[in-house]
Amino acid sequence: MRGTLERAEVETRPLVLAADDGTTWELLFPPSWRVEVEEGARVTVHGDRATDVWTTTMVGPVLRVRTLSTD
């Protein structure tokens, strides 16, 4: 999916994808991944909806990220 990287306005400020379809996805990255893309960047993210994960931020569905690239 495509969208813009943002920081959610909740206490831990998780990185989220504001998708072009209007959905806000909380991004779950593989362990030890370093995200080197700035907030506000347009990106394409490939992954799977993580239905087995709950977060304390509850900003939207969780997307288990496989790849992330800038547009």
N, C-alpha and C. Protein backbone atom coordinates (compact mmCIF):
# COMPACT_ATOMS: atom_id res chain seq x y z
N MET A 1 0.83 -1.18 0.00
CA MET A 1 0.00 0.00 0.00
C MET A 1 0.87 1.24 0.00
N ARG A 2 0.28 2.33 -0.43
CA ARG A 2 1.03 3.59 -0.53
C ARG A 2 0.44 4.60 0.43
N GLY A 3 1.31 5.52 0.86
CA GLY A 3 0.84 6.57 1.76
C GLY A 3 2.00 7.41 2.27
N THR A 4 1.74 8.07 3.39
CA THR A 4 2.71 8.99 4.00
C THR A 4 3.06 8.50 5.39
N LEU A 5 4.35 8.52 5.72
CA LEU A 5 4.78 8.16 7.08
C LEU A 5 4.51 9.33 8.02
N GLU A 6 3.93 9.00 9.16
CA GLU A 6 3.62 10.02 10.17
C GLU A 6 3.91 9.45 11.55
N ARG A 7 3.98 10.32 12.54
CA ARG A 7 4.06 9.92 13.94
C ARG A 7 2.68 10.15 14.54
N ALA A 8 2.13 9.12 15.15
CA ALA A 8 0.82 9.25 15.79
C ALA A 8 0.93 10.15 17.01
N GLU A 9 -0.10 10.91 17.26
CA GLU A 9 -0.11 11.85 18.39
C GLU A 9 -0.60 11.16 19.66
N VAL A 10 0.10 10.11 20.06
CA VAL A 10 -0.15 9.41 21.32
C VAL A 10 1.19 9.30 22.04
N GLU A 11 1.18 8.85 23.29
CA GLU A 11 2.36 8.96 24.14
C GLU A 11 3.64 8.33 23.60
N THR A 12 3.60 7.21 22.91
CA THR A 12 4.83 6.61 22.41
C THR A 12 5.19 7.07 21.00
N ARG A 13 4.32 7.86 20.37
CA ARG A 13 4.52 8.41 19.03
C ARG A 13 4.99 7.35 18.02
N PRO A 14 4.18 6.29 17.87
CA PRO A 14 4.58 5.24 16.92
C PRO A 14 4.56 5.75 15.49
N LEU A 15 5.37 5.13 14.67
CA LEU A 15 5.40 5.44 13.24
C LEU A 15 4.22 4.74 12.59
N VAL A 16 3.43 5.50 11.84
CA VAL A 16 2.25 4.96 11.19
C VAL A 16 2.28 5.31 9.71
N LEU A 17 1.49 4.57 8.96
CA LEU A 17 1.30 4.85 7.55
C LEU A 17 -0.09 5.43 7.38
N ALA A 18 -0.17 6.67 6.93
CA ALA A 18 -1.45 7.27 6.55
C ALA A 18 -1.65 6.88 5.09
N ALA A 19 -2.38 5.78 4.89
CA ALA A 19 -2.53 5.21 3.55
C ALA A 19 -3.43 6.08 2.68
N ASP A 20 -3.21 5.97 1.39
CA ASP A 20 -3.98 6.76 0.44
C ASP A 20 -5.48 6.46 0.49
N ASP A 21 -5.86 5.29 1.00
CA ASP A 21 -7.29 4.96 1.09
C ASP A 21 -7.94 5.51 2.36
N GLY A 22 -7.16 6.24 3.19
CA GLY A 22 -7.70 6.84 4.40
C GLY A 22 -7.46 6.04 5.66
N THR A 23 -6.93 4.84 5.56
CA THR A 23 -6.65 3.99 6.71
C THR A 23 -5.32 4.40 7.34
N THR A 24 -5.29 4.45 8.66
CA THR A 24 -4.04 4.67 9.39
C THR A 24 -3.57 3.33 9.92
N TRP A 25 -2.39 2.91 9.49
CA TRP A 25 -1.81 1.64 9.88
C TRP A 25 -0.67 1.86 10.86
N GLU A 26 -0.69 1.17 11.99
CA GLU A 26 0.48 1.16 12.87
C GLU A 26 1.46 0.16 12.28
N LEU A 27 2.70 0.57 12.13
CA LEU A 27 3.69 -0.27 11.46
C LEU A 27 4.50 -1.09 12.47
N LEU A 28 4.57 -2.37 12.22
CA LEU A 28 5.33 -3.29 13.05
C LEU A 28 6.50 -3.78 12.22
N PHE A 29 7.69 -3.36 12.59
CA PHE A 29 8.90 -3.67 11.83
C PHE A 29 9.59 -4.92 12.39
N PRO A 30 10.31 -5.64 11.53
CA PRO A 30 11.09 -6.79 12.01
C PRO A 30 12.10 -6.33 13.07
N PRO A 31 12.48 -7.24 13.98
CA PRO A 31 13.48 -6.88 15.00
C PRO A 31 14.76 -6.36 14.34
N SER A 32 15.33 -5.38 14.94
CA SER A 32 16.59 -4.73 14.54
C SER A 32 16.51 -3.94 13.23
N TRP A 33 15.31 -3.74 12.70
CA TRP A 33 15.17 -2.90 11.50
C TRP A 33 15.42 -1.45 11.84
N ARG A 34 16.11 -0.74 10.99
CA ARG A 34 16.32 0.70 11.15
C ARG A 34 15.56 1.40 10.03
N VAL A 35 14.65 2.25 10.42
CA VAL A 35 13.88 3.00 9.43
C VAL A 35 14.64 4.28 9.15
N GLU A 36 15.11 4.42 7.94
CA GLU A 36 15.92 5.59 7.57
C GLU A 36 15.16 6.53 6.65
N VAL A 37 13.86 6.55 6.83
CA VAL A 37 13.00 7.42 6.03
C VAL A 37 12.40 8.46 6.98
N GLU A 38 12.38 9.69 6.54
CA GLU A 38 11.88 10.79 7.37
C GLU A 38 10.35 10.79 7.47
N GLU A 39 9.86 11.26 8.59
CA GLU A 39 8.44 11.49 8.74
C GLU A 39 7.98 12.44 7.63
N GLY A 40 6.83 12.16 7.04
CA GLY A 40 6.31 12.98 5.95
C GLY A 40 6.66 12.45 4.58
N ALA A 41 7.51 11.42 4.52
CA ALA A 41 7.91 10.84 3.24
C ALA A 41 6.77 10.02 2.64
N ARG A 42 6.67 10.05 1.33
CA ARG A 42 5.73 9.20 0.60
C ARG A 42 6.41 7.84 0.41
N VAL A 43 5.71 6.77 0.79
CA VAL A 43 6.31 5.44 0.75
C VAL A 43 5.33 4.41 0.21
N THR A 44 5.91 3.28 -0.18
CA THR A 44 5.15 2.09 -0.50
C THR A 44 5.57 1.02 0.50
N VAL A 45 4.60 0.41 1.14
CA VAL A 45 4.87 -0.61 2.15
C VAL A 45 4.21 -1.91 1.73
N HIS A 46 4.97 -2.99 1.80
CA HIS A 46 4.42 -4.32 1.58
C HIS A 46 4.47 -5.05 2.91
N GLY A 47 3.39 -5.73 3.22
CA GLY A 47 3.33 -6.47 4.47
C GLY A 47 2.00 -7.18 4.61
N ASP A 48 1.75 -7.64 5.80
CA ASP A 48 0.53 -8.39 6.10
C ASP A 48 -0.12 -7.81 7.34
N ARG A 49 -1.44 -7.81 7.33
CA ARG A 49 -2.16 -7.37 8.53
C ARG A 49 -1.85 -8.33 9.67
N ALA A 50 -1.42 -7.78 10.79
CA ALA A 50 -1.06 -8.59 11.96
C ALA A 50 -2.29 -8.71 12.86
N THR A 51 -3.01 -9.80 12.71
CA THR A 51 -4.23 -10.00 13.50
C THR A 51 -3.94 -10.65 14.85
N ASP A 52 -2.68 -11.07 15.05
CA ASP A 52 -2.29 -11.73 16.29
C ASP A 52 -1.57 -10.78 17.26
N VAL A 53 -1.60 -9.46 16.96
CA VAL A 53 -0.86 -8.48 17.75
C VAL A 53 -1.81 -7.36 18.19
N TRP A 54 -1.68 -6.96 19.46
CA TRP A 54 -2.38 -5.80 19.97
C TRP A 54 -1.35 -4.84 20.51
N THR A 55 -1.61 -3.55 20.36
CA THR A 55 -0.68 -2.56 20.88
C THR A 55 -1.40 -1.67 21.89
N THR A 56 -0.63 -0.97 22.69
CA THR A 56 -1.23 -0.07 23.67
C THR A 56 -1.66 1.24 23.04
N THR A 57 -1.16 1.56 21.86
CA THR A 57 -1.49 2.84 21.23
C THR A 57 -2.83 2.81 20.52
N MET A 58 -3.22 1.66 19.98
CA MET A 58 -4.52 1.49 19.32
C MET A 58 -4.83 2.59 18.31
N VAL A 59 -3.88 2.89 17.43
CA VAL A 59 -4.09 3.95 16.43
C VAL A 59 -4.69 3.42 15.14
N GLY A 60 -4.82 2.12 15.02
CA GLY A 60 -5.38 1.54 13.80
C GLY A 60 -4.92 0.11 13.67
N PRO A 61 -5.29 -0.54 12.57
CA PRO A 61 -4.82 -1.90 12.38
C PRO A 61 -3.30 -1.93 12.29
N VAL A 62 -2.73 -3.07 12.64
CA VAL A 62 -1.27 -3.22 12.65
C VAL A 62 -0.84 -3.90 11.36
N LEU A 63 0.19 -3.34 10.74
CA LEU A 63 0.74 -3.91 9.51
C LEU A 63 2.15 -4.41 9.79
N ARG A 64 2.35 -5.72 9.62
CA ARG A 64 3.66 -6.34 9.80
C ARG A 64 4.45 -6.08 8.51
N VAL A 65 5.43 -5.19 8.59
CA VAL A 65 6.14 -4.70 7.41
C VAL A 65 7.14 -5.73 6.90
N ARG A 66 7.09 -6.00 5.58
CA ARG A 66 8.10 -6.83 4.92
C ARG A 66 9.09 -5.96 4.16
N THR A 67 8.58 -4.94 3.44
CA THR A 67 9.44 -4.01 2.73
C THR A 67 8.86 -2.61 2.82
N LEU A 68 9.73 -1.61 2.77
CA LEU A 68 9.32 -0.21 2.77
C LEU A 68 10.26 0.52 1.82
N SER A 69 9.68 1.23 0.86
CA SER A 69 10.51 1.98 -0.09
C SER A 69 9.89 3.35 -0.32
N THR A 70 10.74 4.31 -0.61
CA THR A 70 10.26 5.65 -0.91
C THR A 70 9.74 5.70 -2.34
N ASP A 71 8.77 6.57 -2.56
CA ASP A 71 8.19 6.72 -3.91
C ASP A 71 9.05 7.60 -4.77
